[in-house]
Amino acid sequence: MIGCYIHHHGRGHLSRATAIATALARPVTGLSTLPAPPDWPGDWVQLPADDPDGAALDADAHGRLHWVPLQHPGLRARMARIAQWIEEHRPEALVVDVSVEVALLARLHGVPVVTVAMPGHRTDAAHELGFAIAEELIGAWPREADPLGDAAALRSRVHAVGAISRFAPTEPTAAARERRSVVVLGGAGGDTFTADAVARARAETPGWEWTHLGANGSWTDDPWSALLDASVVVTHAGESAIAEVAAARRPAIVIPQPRPHDEQRCTAAVLAVERWPALVEAEWPRTGWPALLERAASLDAGSWRAWNDGRGAERAAAVIATVADRSGTR
């Protein structure tokens, strides 16, 4: 049995974990505050929420961890439920995407941990501890990229498996390449792609058709058909969003959003390198959209193949299986 802890912020962790779990040819149980997705391939443990409830006392354990508030009933119930599951099922490994505290809990129970590393500047004490106790680290980016910021020393430990997407890579048709349509891909975690901002860009580009998806637009759990209909995608720099744009082989305008540890800014800095079919903007442009869309549409989106070749989940599953097999022989 393999366990997979899935952080509840946004939806990228869940879609990535589902892709990896599907690629694992062995029993896998998801553990999360989120409800099980309909395509999850195994059992599911719904965890109690541990969100803030009033003032949190020493939430970071004097800077050594990220979220362990003293005397917090939600945290206590959550950790107890994970510990109970570990005792009942004796997992061969726990995949953590992503929580230093859950990784530490598993390791204190003698369970090997595979941690999904995230982009950004992650050299704080808590991250260093979480990385140090992990048997293996997985990065959902290609070997040609290094979005770890000042944590780049981790690069030698990270298995860069390539992007992990829910969708298989699809080459665009000639009709799609000729279409003048824009999809704005917002996220569940919040973004600056407001309805007013999109309306201004739409008014400035009468020759283009705009579709706005996300928390500030029209929410959909499955943006795939819209991505395939787009000739340019305007997106935040979340890992799953970039993975899906790359799977759709569409040129992108990437606007990183504020996130802890500069996660999206570090990803965007990598994407700003000329080899990737993306134009990076620091913030939503107030003007200049006609020229920006034309520049983006002229990019060779085929170079996304090096970012997402469709085998990222398979390679991640192989790393996890190796850890589980090694655990089973001890």
Protein backbone atom coordinates (compact mmCIF):
# COMPACT_ATOMS: atom_id res chain seq x y z
CA MET A 1 0.00 0.00 0.00
CA ILE A 2 1.16 3.52 -0.85
CA GLY A 3 -0.35 6.62 0.71
CA CYS A 4 -0.59 10.00 -0.96
CA TYR A 5 -1.14 13.15 1.09
CA ILE A 6 -2.64 15.98 -0.99
CA HIS A 7 -2.62 19.61 0.10
CA HIS A 8 -5.97 21.35 -0.24
CA HIS A 9 -4.90 24.78 -1.55
CA GLY A 10 -5.89 25.26 -5.20
CA ARG A 11 -6.52 22.23 -7.40
CA GLY A 12 -3.08 21.60 -8.87
CA HIS A 13 -1.92 19.25 -6.11
CA LEU A 14 -5.03 17.12 -6.54
CA SER A 15 -4.83 16.81 -10.32
CA ARG A 16 -1.12 15.97 -10.15
CA ALA A 17 -1.64 13.36 -7.43
CA THR A 18 -4.46 11.77 -9.41
CA ALA A 19 -2.27 11.45 -12.49
CA ILE A 20 0.54 9.86 -10.45
CA ALA A 21 -1.80 7.52 -8.58
CA THR A 22 -3.30 6.36 -11.86
CA ALA A 23 0.18 5.58 -13.17
CA LEU A 24 1.03 3.54 -10.05
CA ALA A 25 0.22 -0.10 -10.75
CA ARG A 26 -0.41 -0.87 -7.07
CA PRO A 27 -2.91 0.02 -4.31
CA VAL A 28 -2.86 3.70 -3.36
CA THR A 29 -4.87 5.67 -0.80
CA GLY A 30 -5.40 9.41 -0.95
CA LEU A 31 -5.41 11.46 2.26
CA SER A 32 -6.71 15.02 2.05
CA THR A 33 -9.15 17.59 3.34
CA LEU A 34 -10.49 17.68 -0.22
CA PRO A 35 -13.15 15.20 -1.34
CA ALA A 36 -12.02 12.36 -3.57
CA PRO A 37 -12.09 13.23 -7.28
CA PRO A 38 -14.28 10.95 -9.39
CA ASP A 39 -11.28 9.46 -11.20
CA TRP A 40 -9.21 8.65 -8.10
CA PRO A 41 -8.04 5.03 -8.58
CA GLY A 42 -8.09 3.80 -4.97
CA ASP A 43 -9.34 4.41 -1.42
CA TRP A 44 -9.67 7.85 0.10
CA VAL A 45 -9.36 9.20 3.65
CA GLN A 46 -11.18 12.49 4.23
CA LEU A 47 -9.09 14.39 6.78
CA PRO A 48 -10.41 16.91 9.31
CA ALA A 49 -9.75 20.52 8.39
CA ASP A 50 -7.06 22.37 10.31
CA ASP A 51 -7.69 25.87 8.97
CA PRO A 52 -7.10 28.86 11.27
CA ASP A 53 -9.83 29.40 13.86
CA GLY A 54 -9.00 32.65 15.56
CA ALA A 55 -5.48 33.51 16.66
CA ALA A 56 -2.92 30.73 16.14
CA LEU A 57 -0.37 30.30 18.92
CA ASP A 58 3.22 29.64 17.78
CA ALA A 59 2.00 28.31 14.43
CA ASP A 60 5.52 27.80 13.07
CA ALA A 61 7.19 26.28 16.15
CA HIS A 62 9.65 29.15 16.49
CA GLY A 63 10.37 29.12 12.75
CA ARG A 64 11.13 25.39 12.51
CA LEU A 65 7.87 24.27 10.85
CA HIS A 66 5.09 25.85 8.78
CA TRP A 67 1.76 25.08 10.48
CA VAL A 68 1.62 23.50 13.94
CA PRO A 69 -0.41 25.92 16.13
CA LEU A 70 -0.47 24.96 19.80
CA GLN A 71 -3.66 23.42 21.18
CA HIS A 72 -5.38 23.48 17.76
CA PRO A 73 -8.13 20.81 17.68
CA GLY A 74 -8.17 20.58 13.90
CA LEU A 75 -4.43 19.95 13.72
CA ARG A 76 -4.64 17.34 16.47
CA ALA A 77 -7.51 15.48 14.81
CA ARG A 78 -5.85 15.64 11.40
CA MET A 79 -2.52 14.24 12.55
CA ALA A 80 -4.21 11.58 14.67
CA ARG A 81 -6.24 10.39 11.69
CA ILE A 82 -3.12 10.10 9.52
CA ALA A 83 -1.30 8.24 12.29
CA GLN A 84 -4.28 5.89 12.65
CA TRP A 85 -4.23 5.16 8.93
CA ILE A 86 -0.48 4.46 9.04
CA GLU A 87 -0.92 2.00 11.90
CA GLU A 88 -3.84 0.26 10.21
CA HIS A 89 -2.31 -0.08 6.74
CA ARG A 90 1.47 -0.10 7.30
CA PRO A 91 2.20 1.73 4.01
CA GLU A 92 5.40 0.99 2.13
CA ALA A 93 5.74 4.71 1.34
CA LEU A 94 3.91 8.00 1.73
CA VAL A 95 3.96 10.54 -1.10
CA VAL A 96 3.59 14.06 0.27
CA ASP A 97 2.31 16.84 -2.00
CA VAL A 98 2.91 18.86 0.01
CA SER A 99 3.39 19.36 3.78
CA VAL A 100 6.57 19.30 5.84
CA GLU A 101 4.54 18.39 8.92
CA VAL A 102 2.87 15.36 7.30
CA ALA A 103 6.23 14.23 5.90
CA LEU A 104 7.75 14.47 9.37
CA LEU A 105 4.82 12.61 10.95
CA ALA A 106 5.22 9.74 8.48
CA ARG A 107 8.97 9.55 8.99
CA LEU A 108 8.53 9.51 12.77
CA HIS A 109 6.36 6.43 12.21
CA GLY A 110 9.17 4.82 10.22
CA VAL A 111 7.43 5.26 6.86
CA PRO A 112 9.63 6.22 3.87
CA VAL A 113 8.63 9.57 2.42
CA VAL A 114 8.65 10.75 -1.19
CA THR A 115 8.24 14.52 -1.28
CA VAL A 116 7.03 16.48 -4.28
CA ALA A 117 9.29 19.53 -4.36
CA MET A 118 7.78 22.84 -5.39
CA PRO A 119 9.37 25.74 -7.27
CA GLY A 120 10.53 28.76 -5.32
CA HIS A 121 12.97 29.94 -2.69
CA ARG A 122 12.68 27.12 -0.15
CA THR A 123 15.75 27.37 2.04
CA ASP A 124 13.87 28.07 5.27
CA ALA A 125 14.40 25.72 8.20
CA ALA A 126 11.11 23.87 7.71
CA HIS A 127 11.71 23.12 4.04
CA GLU A 128 15.29 22.06 4.69
CA LEU A 129 14.06 19.60 7.32
CA GLY A 130 11.32 18.26 5.03
CA PHE A 131 13.72 17.73 2.15
CA ALA A 132 16.38 16.16 4.38
CA ILE A 133 14.10 13.43 5.77
CA ALA A 134 12.68 12.43 2.38
CA GLU A 135 13.93 9.27 0.71
CA GLU A 136 13.46 10.87 -2.70
CA LEU A 137 12.37 14.23 -4.11
CA ILE A 138 10.28 14.64 -7.25
CA GLY A 139 10.14 17.83 -9.33
CA ALA A 140 7.37 18.20 -11.91
CA TRP A 141 9.54 20.09 -14.38
CA PRO A 142 11.98 19.05 -17.10
CA ARG A 143 15.67 18.54 -16.47
CA GLU A 144 16.36 21.59 -18.65
CA ALA A 145 14.59 23.80 -16.07
CA ASP A 146 15.60 24.80 -12.55
CA PRO A 147 12.81 26.72 -10.77
CA LEU A 148 14.26 26.22 -7.28
CA GLY A 149 15.54 29.78 -6.86
CA ASP A 150 18.10 29.98 -4.06
CA ALA A 151 17.37 26.32 -3.23
CA ALA A 152 19.13 25.24 -6.42
CA ALA A 153 21.56 23.15 -4.35
CA LEU A 154 18.72 20.61 -4.15
CA ARG A 155 18.95 20.02 -7.86
CA SER A 156 21.20 16.98 -7.50
CA ARG A 157 18.60 15.27 -5.28
CA VAL A 158 15.50 16.08 -7.30
CA HIS A 159 14.16 13.67 -9.90
CA ALA A 160 13.02 16.16 -12.56
CA VAL A 161 10.35 13.99 -14.18
CA GLY A 162 8.83 16.61 -16.47
CA ALA A 163 5.45 18.26 -16.25
CA ILE A 164 2.54 16.21 -14.93
CA SER A 165 -0.82 16.87 -16.53
CA ARG A 166 -4.27 15.31 -16.46
CA PHE A 167 -4.32 15.43 -20.25
CA ALA A 168 -2.28 13.66 -22.87
CA PRO A 169 -0.27 15.97 -25.14
CA THR A 170 -2.17 16.91 -28.29
CA GLU A 171 -0.71 18.58 -31.35
CA PRO A 172 -2.79 21.52 -32.63
CA THR A 173 -4.65 21.28 -35.90
CA ALA A 174 -4.09 23.74 -38.73
CA ALA A 175 -7.49 25.30 -38.00
CA ALA A 176 -6.55 25.88 -34.37
CA ARG A 177 -3.30 27.56 -35.37
CA GLU A 178 -5.17 29.97 -37.64
CA ARG A 179 -7.87 30.81 -35.10
CA ARG A 180 -7.64 34.18 -33.31
CA SER A 181 -8.91 33.19 -29.88
CA VAL A 182 -7.61 33.76 -26.36
CA VAL A 183 -8.26 31.68 -23.25
CA VAL A 184 -7.53 33.31 -19.91
CA LEU A 185 -6.73 30.47 -17.51
CA GLY A 186 -7.23 31.58 -13.93
CA GLY A 187 -6.83 29.37 -10.89
CA ALA A 188 -8.70 28.24 -7.80
CA GLY A 189 -6.00 29.71 -5.59
CA GLY A 190 -6.79 33.30 -6.58
CA ASP A 191 -5.34 35.58 -9.26
CA THR A 192 -5.33 39.15 -10.56
CA PHE A 193 -7.19 38.23 -13.75
CA THR A 194 -10.26 40.28 -12.85
CA ALA A 195 -13.33 40.57 -15.04
CA ASP A 196 -12.59 44.29 -15.55
CA ALA A 197 -8.99 43.59 -16.61
CA VAL A 198 -10.10 40.98 -19.13
CA ALA A 199 -12.85 43.31 -20.41
CA ARG A 200 -10.28 46.07 -21.07
CA ALA A 201 -8.05 43.65 -22.98
CA ARG A 202 -11.03 42.36 -24.96
CA ALA A 203 -12.06 45.91 -25.91
CA GLU A 204 -8.52 46.63 -27.13
CA THR A 205 -8.47 43.54 -29.41
CA PRO A 206 -11.72 43.46 -31.44
CA GLY A 207 -10.26 40.88 -33.84
CA TRP A 208 -9.81 38.31 -31.08
CA GLU A 209 -12.34 36.14 -29.27
CA TRP A 210 -11.78 35.91 -25.50
CA THR A 211 -12.80 33.19 -23.01
CA HIS A 212 -12.18 33.76 -19.31
CA LEU A 213 -11.90 30.65 -17.12
CA GLY A 214 -11.13 30.52 -13.40
CA ALA A 215 -12.31 31.86 -10.07
CA ASN A 216 -12.81 35.37 -11.53
CA GLY A 217 -14.36 34.12 -14.76
CA SER A 218 -16.35 30.99 -15.57
CA TRP A 219 -15.17 28.13 -13.39
CA THR A 220 -14.71 24.71 -14.94
CA ASP A 221 -13.02 21.62 -13.56
CA ASP A 222 -12.07 20.62 -17.10
CA PRO A 223 -10.56 23.40 -19.24
CA TRP A 224 -9.19 21.00 -21.85
CA SER A 225 -11.61 21.66 -24.71
CA ALA A 226 -11.19 25.42 -24.23
CA LEU A 227 -7.41 25.10 -24.33
CA LEU A 228 -7.59 23.10 -27.55
CA ASP A 229 -9.76 25.83 -29.11
CA ALA A 230 -7.33 28.60 -28.14
CA SER A 231 -4.61 30.06 -30.30
CA VAL A 232 -3.06 31.86 -27.29
CA VAL A 233 -3.45 31.12 -23.57
CA VAL A 234 -3.00 33.77 -20.88
CA THR A 235 -2.20 31.93 -17.68
CA HIS A 236 -0.79 32.19 -14.20
CA ALA A 237 2.43 30.28 -13.50
CA GLY A 238 1.05 27.46 -11.36
CA GLU A 239 2.66 24.12 -12.16
CA SER A 240 -0.53 22.37 -13.26
CA ALA A 241 -1.67 25.28 -15.40
CA ILE A 242 1.65 25.37 -17.25
CA ALA A 243 1.60 21.57 -17.59
CA GLU A 244 -1.83 21.68 -19.23
CA VAL A 245 -0.95 24.56 -21.55
CA ALA A 246 2.14 22.58 -22.54
CA ALA A 247 0.04 19.45 -23.11
CA ALA A 248 -2.26 21.46 -25.38
CA ARG A 249 0.81 22.77 -27.25
CA ARG A 250 -0.44 26.36 -27.15
CA PRO A 251 1.76 29.47 -26.91
CA ALA A 252 1.30 31.30 -23.66
CA ILE A 253 1.44 34.68 -22.02
CA VAL A 254 2.44 33.90 -18.44
CA ILE A 255 1.63 36.29 -15.60
CA PRO A 256 2.93 34.93 -12.27
CA GLN A 257 0.78 35.47 -9.20
CA PRO A 258 1.97 36.22 -5.65
CA ARG A 259 2.54 32.96 -3.79
CA PRO A 260 4.60 31.92 -0.75
CA HIS A 261 8.31 31.45 -1.44
CA ASP A 262 7.93 33.19 -4.85
CA GLU A 263 6.78 29.88 -6.32
CA GLN A 264 5.20 31.30 -9.46
CA ARG A 265 7.83 33.98 -10.03
CA CYS A 266 10.57 31.32 -10.02
CA THR A 267 8.64 29.23 -12.56
CA ALA A 268 8.05 32.32 -14.70
CA ALA A 269 11.77 33.18 -14.61
CA VAL A 270 12.51 29.77 -16.10
CA LEU A 271 9.81 30.19 -18.75
CA ALA A 272 11.23 33.57 -19.77
CA VAL A 273 14.18 31.74 -21.36
CA GLU A 274 13.85 31.90 -25.13
CA ARG A 275 13.52 28.14 -25.70
CA TRP A 276 10.00 28.01 -24.22
CA PRO A 277 6.95 29.26 -26.17
CA ALA A 278 5.92 31.76 -23.52
CA LEU A 279 6.02 35.51 -23.03
CA VAL A 280 6.33 36.47 -19.37
CA GLU A 281 4.73 39.62 -18.00
CA ALA A 282 5.29 40.76 -14.40
CA GLU A 283 1.65 41.84 -14.10
CA TRP A 284 -1.50 42.10 -16.20
CA PRO A 285 -0.75 44.64 -18.96
CA ARG A 286 -3.12 47.60 -19.00
CA THR A 287 -2.44 48.25 -22.70
CA GLY A 288 -0.55 46.80 -25.63
CA TRP A 289 -2.58 43.61 -26.04
CA PRO A 290 -2.79 43.60 -29.87
CA ALA A 291 1.00 43.43 -30.29
CA LEU A 292 1.39 41.06 -27.33
CA LEU A 293 -1.09 38.55 -28.75
CA GLU A 294 0.50 38.68 -32.18
CA ARG A 295 3.94 38.03 -30.68
CA ALA A 296 2.63 35.12 -28.65
CA ALA A 297 0.78 33.59 -31.59
CA SER A 298 4.00 33.58 -33.61
CA LEU A 299 5.86 31.39 -31.09
CA ASP A 300 6.61 27.76 -31.91
CA ALA A 301 4.42 25.93 -29.40
CA GLY A 302 5.95 22.62 -30.45
CA SER A 303 8.86 23.33 -28.12
CA TRP A 304 6.51 22.54 -25.21
CA ARG A 305 7.32 18.89 -25.99
CA ALA A 306 10.46 19.21 -23.89
CA TRP A 307 8.41 20.53 -20.95
CA ASN A 308 5.60 17.99 -21.15
CA ASP A 309 6.11 14.81 -23.15
CA GLY A 310 3.18 13.07 -21.45
CA ARG A 311 5.32 10.73 -19.34
CA GLY A 312 5.87 12.82 -16.22
CA ALA A 313 3.36 10.88 -14.09
CA GLU A 314 4.84 7.60 -15.28
CA ARG A 315 8.36 8.66 -14.29
CA ALA A 316 7.15 9.94 -10.91
CA ALA A 317 5.37 6.64 -10.29
CA ALA A 318 8.59 4.76 -11.06
CA VAL A 319 10.48 6.77 -8.40
CA ILE A 320 7.74 6.04 -5.85
CA ALA A 321 7.61 2.36 -6.73
CA THR A 322 11.38 2.07 -6.23
CA VAL A 323 11.09 3.54 -2.73
CA ALA A 324 8.16 1.25 -1.90
CA ASP A 325 9.99 -1.84 -3.18
CA ARG A 326 13.09 -0.89 -1.22
CA SER A 327 10.93 -0.47 1.90
CA GLY A 328 9.32 -3.87 1.40
CA THR A 329 12.67 -5.68 1.36
CA ARG A 330 13.85 -4.24 4.69
